[in-house]
Amino acid sequence: MAATPNAARLARGSTNAAPVTQVGKRRFGMRILPITAFVAALVLTVKIGGLWDARERLPAAFEVGTPAGAKPTEAEPPTQLAAAEKPVAGSGATMAGDEKLDPFALGKSQIELLQSLAERRKELEERERALDQREGLLAAAEHRIEQKIAEMTKIKGEIEALIKKYDEQEEAQLKSVVKIYETMKPKDAARIFDEMDMDVLLQVINRMKASKTAPVLANMSPARAKEITTRITERREMPDIN
């Protein structure tokens, strides 16, 4: 039986419709794939953020291996924490507190303790610098004092040398004057001694020989000779202050 024209058109329409349906399915699948990837990435980001928040909220005891379901231990006082961080005597190894600390595993009290220790260390360093500066100033002042003492000692030596030189020159002059009066006639020397200043006269007579002094005193006025004798006696009785 021959096919009718309508039946032939329906057959061709059904044959062409199959490829169109397959192409539409492929296009729909390509559109779904990016959306699925985006949703998966978004879910993964949310899960990671939740895990990070949970890590920050966990206590330090859970970080170092607290069994699941166990009650987290409270943060130790600063004194107990400091004692726990000290190495065991004779063990040759340090405790876990000496290891590098995880900042996320520290409690509030531990952070405050570390901050307090850091401030205390800063204060000690500043005090040490101040002490070093003070020691430097004291050393500089001591050095200047030693220099002044050395200068004064030098000046003192120079003054003593000048005094000694002056005394030697004065002694030489007095000896020269004494020699002159010793060679003079007693009567002439007595006349000069009656008018001479008493201090100078005593220095001259004390350096004259006794054999030369007696004739001169015999020719002087009695009052003057008596005064000279009294002054010489008093001077000899005075102790030597040197």
Foldseek 3Di string as FASTA:
>chain_A
DDDDPVVVVVVVVVVVVVVVVVVVVVVVVVVVVVVVVVVVVVVVVVVVVVVVVVLLPDELQVVVPDDPPDDDDDDDAPVVLVVQQAADPPPPDTDPNPDDDDPSRDDPNRVVSVVVVVVVVVVVVVVVVVVVVVVVVVVVVVVVVVVVVVVVVVVVVVVVVVVVVVVVVVVVVLVVVLVVLLPDDLLVSLVVLQVDDLVSSLSSLVPHDPVSNVSNLVNHDPVSSVVSVVVNVVVVPDDDPD
